[in-house]
Amino acid sequence: MYKRFGKRLIDTVLSLIAFIILSPLLLITALAVKLSSPGPVLFKQQRLGLHGKVFTIYKFRSMTDGAEHTGSGVYSGKGDPRVTKVGKLIRATSIDELPQFINIIVGDMAIVAPPLTYHPWPVEQYTEEQFHMFDVRPGITGWAQVHGRKGVEWHERIKMNVWYTQHVSFVLDIKILFMTVFKVLRNEDNVNTGATV
């Protein structure tokens, strides 16, 4: 019952409340991004969502405009010169992720679920077992996120994502949320260590 109905309702209500409460921060961040470098305020990118359906994810832009087409592409490691000064700050504090509340409100994402930084290969290349990670909407944070985050190789991260879809519960989601807050406050595992992570 929670997985099918309760989770979606809680996500929507909490996201609406968070969006309203955080609106001053969202506005300040939008202005900072706009004034710090040329380009749009929001970074948009296509991701794989529920049942492998493609949707557009929103984040505050933390890199120079068009950076994904240069250097290391979508991957950004420590000291990447494409990351702006404001981008470094909003990444370190995970503020760049806040526009994803829009994705949650419209039904593309959840607060807690398998987070997919970027899909590493086309949807048809996922194995039958791996594809179970798409049994739920992707989330801002999740089980893999609090167990290594960007320092975990893709295959292991997907295994943890699949495990989550098989054990979804309100208690597990609360546990992940608390672990996420702890990770963010300590700024742990927030830098890619290679193209496969």
Protein backbone atom coordinates (compact mmCIF):
# COMPACT_ATOMS: atom_id res chain seq x y z
CA MET A 1 0.00 0.00 0.00
CA TYR A 2 2.78 2.45 0.92
CA LYS A 3 4.79 1.68 -2.24
CA ARG A 4 1.80 2.15 -4.56
CA PHE A 5 -0.12 5.03 -2.96
CA GLY A 6 1.23 6.36 0.34
CA LYS A 7 4.73 7.10 -0.94
CA ARG A 8 3.49 9.23 -3.85
CA LEU A 9 1.09 11.19 -1.62
CA ILE A 10 3.75 11.89 1.02
CA ASP A 11 6.29 12.89 -1.66
CA THR A 12 3.88 15.35 -3.26
CA VAL A 13 2.80 16.99 0.00
CA LEU A 14 6.34 17.26 1.40
CA SER A 15 7.69 18.61 -1.89
CA LEU A 16 5.01 21.30 -2.10
CA ILE A 17 5.74 22.35 1.49
CA ALA A 18 9.50 22.33 0.89
CA PHE A 19 9.14 24.31 -2.33
CA ILE A 20 7.17 27.02 -0.53
CA ILE A 21 9.47 27.17 2.51
CA LEU A 22 12.63 27.14 0.40
CA SER A 23 11.35 29.63 -2.20
CA PRO A 24 13.58 32.49 -0.88
CA LEU A 25 16.65 30.23 -1.14
CA LEU A 26 15.59 29.08 -4.60
CA LEU A 27 15.22 32.69 -5.74
CA ILE A 28 18.60 33.74 -4.29
CA THR A 29 20.31 30.73 -5.89
CA ALA A 30 18.68 31.44 -9.24
CA LEU A 31 19.93 35.02 -9.15
CA ALA A 32 23.43 33.93 -8.11
CA VAL A 33 23.64 31.41 -10.96
CA LYS A 34 22.37 33.93 -13.49
CA LEU A 35 24.73 36.70 -12.39
CA SER A 36 27.81 34.49 -12.00
CA SER A 37 28.04 33.20 -15.58
CA PRO A 38 26.24 33.43 -18.93
CA GLY A 39 23.61 30.82 -19.61
CA PRO A 40 20.31 29.50 -18.25
CA VAL A 41 19.58 29.20 -14.53
CA LEU A 42 18.41 25.61 -14.80
CA PHE A 43 20.31 22.67 -16.22
CA LYS A 44 18.00 20.25 -18.02
CA GLN A 45 18.87 16.70 -18.95
CA GLN A 46 17.00 13.60 -20.03
CA ARG A 47 17.03 10.70 -17.56
CA LEU A 48 15.39 7.29 -17.31
CA GLY A 49 12.41 7.19 -14.97
CA LEU A 50 9.59 4.87 -13.96
CA HIS A 51 9.47 1.77 -16.22
CA GLY A 52 12.43 3.18 -18.20
CA LYS A 53 10.44 6.14 -19.54
CA VAL A 54 12.53 9.19 -20.41
CA PHE A 55 11.85 12.45 -18.56
CA THR A 56 13.60 15.81 -18.16
CA ILE A 57 15.34 16.42 -14.84
CA TYR A 58 15.94 19.94 -13.47
CA LYS A 59 18.93 21.18 -11.49
CA PHE A 60 20.50 24.56 -10.88
CA ARG A 61 23.29 25.00 -13.43
CA SER A 62 26.64 24.57 -11.68
CA MET A 63 28.90 24.47 -14.73
CA THR A 64 29.56 26.81 -17.64
CA ASP A 65 26.86 26.79 -20.29
CA GLY A 66 27.27 23.81 -22.64
CA ALA A 67 29.92 22.19 -20.43
CA GLU A 68 28.49 18.72 -20.97
CA HIS A 69 29.69 18.91 -24.58
CA THR A 70 33.31 19.60 -23.59
CA GLY A 71 35.97 18.07 -21.34
CA SER A 72 34.70 14.93 -19.60
CA GLY A 73 31.16 15.35 -20.88
CA VAL A 74 28.47 14.84 -18.23
CA TYR A 75 31.01 13.68 -15.65
CA SER A 76 32.69 16.21 -13.39
CA GLY A 77 35.59 15.35 -11.10
CA LYS A 78 37.44 17.26 -8.43
CA GLY A 79 38.91 20.53 -9.67
CA ASP A 80 36.91 20.53 -12.92
CA PRO A 81 37.50 24.03 -14.39
CA ARG A 82 34.05 23.98 -15.97
CA VAL A 83 32.39 24.29 -12.55
CA THR A 84 31.62 27.92 -11.71
CA LYS A 85 32.37 29.57 -8.35
CA VAL A 86 28.68 29.55 -7.47
CA GLY A 87 28.50 26.00 -8.82
CA LYS A 88 31.12 24.80 -6.34
CA LEU A 89 29.08 26.17 -3.46
CA ILE A 90 25.71 24.82 -4.52
CA ARG A 91 27.22 21.43 -5.28
CA ALA A 92 28.95 21.22 -1.90
CA THR A 93 25.65 21.97 -0.16
CA SER A 94 23.51 19.97 -2.66
CA ILE A 95 21.44 23.12 -3.31
CA ASP A 96 21.80 22.40 -7.03
CA GLU A 97 19.41 19.44 -6.53
CA LEU A 98 16.51 21.50 -5.13
CA PRO A 99 14.74 22.15 -8.47
CA GLN A 100 14.06 18.42 -8.55
CA PHE A 101 11.15 19.15 -6.22
CA ILE A 102 9.43 20.24 -9.44
CA ASN A 103 10.06 16.78 -10.88
CA ILE A 104 8.55 15.22 -7.75
CA ILE A 105 5.45 17.42 -7.81
CA VAL A 106 4.69 16.60 -11.46
CA GLY A 107 5.20 12.88 -10.80
CA ASP A 108 8.53 12.15 -12.50
CA MET A 109 10.51 11.54 -9.31
CA ALA A 110 10.30 10.67 -5.61
CA ILE A 111 12.17 12.04 -2.61
CA VAL A 112 13.65 8.65 -1.69
CA ALA A 113 14.22 6.02 -4.40
CA PRO A 114 17.05 4.83 -6.63
CA PRO A 115 18.89 8.03 -7.60
CA LEU A 116 20.32 7.91 -11.08
CA THR A 117 23.00 10.54 -11.60
CA TYR A 118 23.13 9.69 -15.30
CA HIS A 119 22.11 6.55 -17.13
CA PRO A 120 25.39 4.89 -18.16
CA TRP A 121 23.98 2.93 -21.10
CA PRO A 122 20.79 2.74 -23.25
CA VAL A 123 17.72 1.30 -21.52
CA GLU A 124 17.70 -1.80 -23.75
CA GLN A 125 21.16 -2.76 -22.44
CA TYR A 126 20.00 -3.21 -18.84
CA THR A 127 19.61 -6.84 -17.79
CA GLU A 128 16.20 -8.07 -16.64
CA GLU A 129 17.41 -7.93 -13.03
CA GLN A 130 18.90 -4.45 -13.38
CA PHE A 131 15.72 -3.13 -14.99
CA HIS A 132 13.87 -3.67 -11.69
CA MET A 133 15.47 -0.44 -10.48
CA PHE A 134 12.89 1.28 -12.68
CA ASP A 135 9.99 -0.36 -10.81
CA VAL A 136 9.74 2.88 -8.82
CA ARG A 137 10.22 6.55 -9.68
CA PRO A 138 13.85 7.72 -9.39
CA GLY A 139 14.65 9.79 -6.30
CA ILE A 140 16.76 12.68 -5.11
CA THR A 141 18.41 10.34 -2.64
CA GLY A 142 18.37 6.61 -2.05
CA TRP A 143 20.03 3.48 -0.66
CA ALA A 144 22.97 3.65 -3.07
CA GLN A 145 23.33 7.38 -2.42
CA VAL A 146 23.99 6.83 1.29
CA HIS A 147 26.30 3.86 0.70
CA GLY A 148 29.08 5.40 -1.31
CA ARG A 149 27.23 7.77 -3.61
CA LYS A 150 29.58 8.80 -6.45
CA GLY A 151 32.39 6.55 -5.27
CA VAL A 152 30.53 3.32 -6.14
CA GLU A 153 30.94 1.59 -9.51
CA TRP A 154 27.77 1.57 -11.66
CA HIS A 155 27.07 -2.18 -11.43
CA GLU A 156 27.26 -2.12 -7.63
CA ARG A 157 25.16 1.04 -7.45
CA ILE A 158 22.47 -0.57 -9.60
CA LYS A 159 22.47 -3.68 -7.37
CA MET A 160 21.74 -1.44 -4.38
CA ASN A 161 19.02 0.35 -6.34
CA VAL A 162 17.34 -2.98 -7.15
CA TRP A 163 17.60 -4.03 -3.50
CA TYR A 164 15.76 -0.85 -2.51
CA THR A 165 12.87 -1.50 -4.92
CA GLN A 166 12.42 -4.91 -3.30
CA HIS A 167 12.39 -3.52 0.25
CA VAL A 168 10.52 -0.21 -0.05
CA SER A 169 8.95 0.86 3.24
CA PHE A 170 8.19 4.02 5.18
CA VAL A 171 10.74 3.10 7.86
CA LEU A 172 13.47 2.51 5.25
CA ASP A 173 12.72 5.85 3.59
CA ILE A 174 13.00 7.68 6.92
CA LYS A 175 16.31 5.93 7.63
CA ILE A 176 17.68 6.97 4.23
CA LEU A 177 16.55 10.57 4.75
CA PHE A 178 18.42 10.83 8.06
CA MET A 179 21.51 9.21 6.55
CA THR A 180 21.33 11.65 3.63
CA VAL A 181 21.23 14.68 5.93
CA PHE A 182 24.30 13.36 7.73
CA LYS A 183 26.12 12.82 4.41
CA VAL A 184 25.25 16.29 3.12
CA LEU A 185 26.35 18.00 6.33
CA ARG A 186 29.70 16.20 6.11
CA ASN A 187 29.87 16.65 2.30
CA GLU A 188 30.82 13.00 1.87
CA ASP A 189 31.17 11.12 -1.44
CA ASN A 190 30.21 14.19 -3.47
CA VAL A 191 32.84 13.96 -6.21
CA ASN A 192 32.91 11.55 -9.13
CA THR A 193 35.96 9.29 -9.04
CA GLY A 194 35.71 8.17 -12.66
CA ALA A 195 33.48 7.92 -15.72
CA THR A 196 31.95 4.67 -14.49
CA VAL A 197 30.70 6.18 -11.27
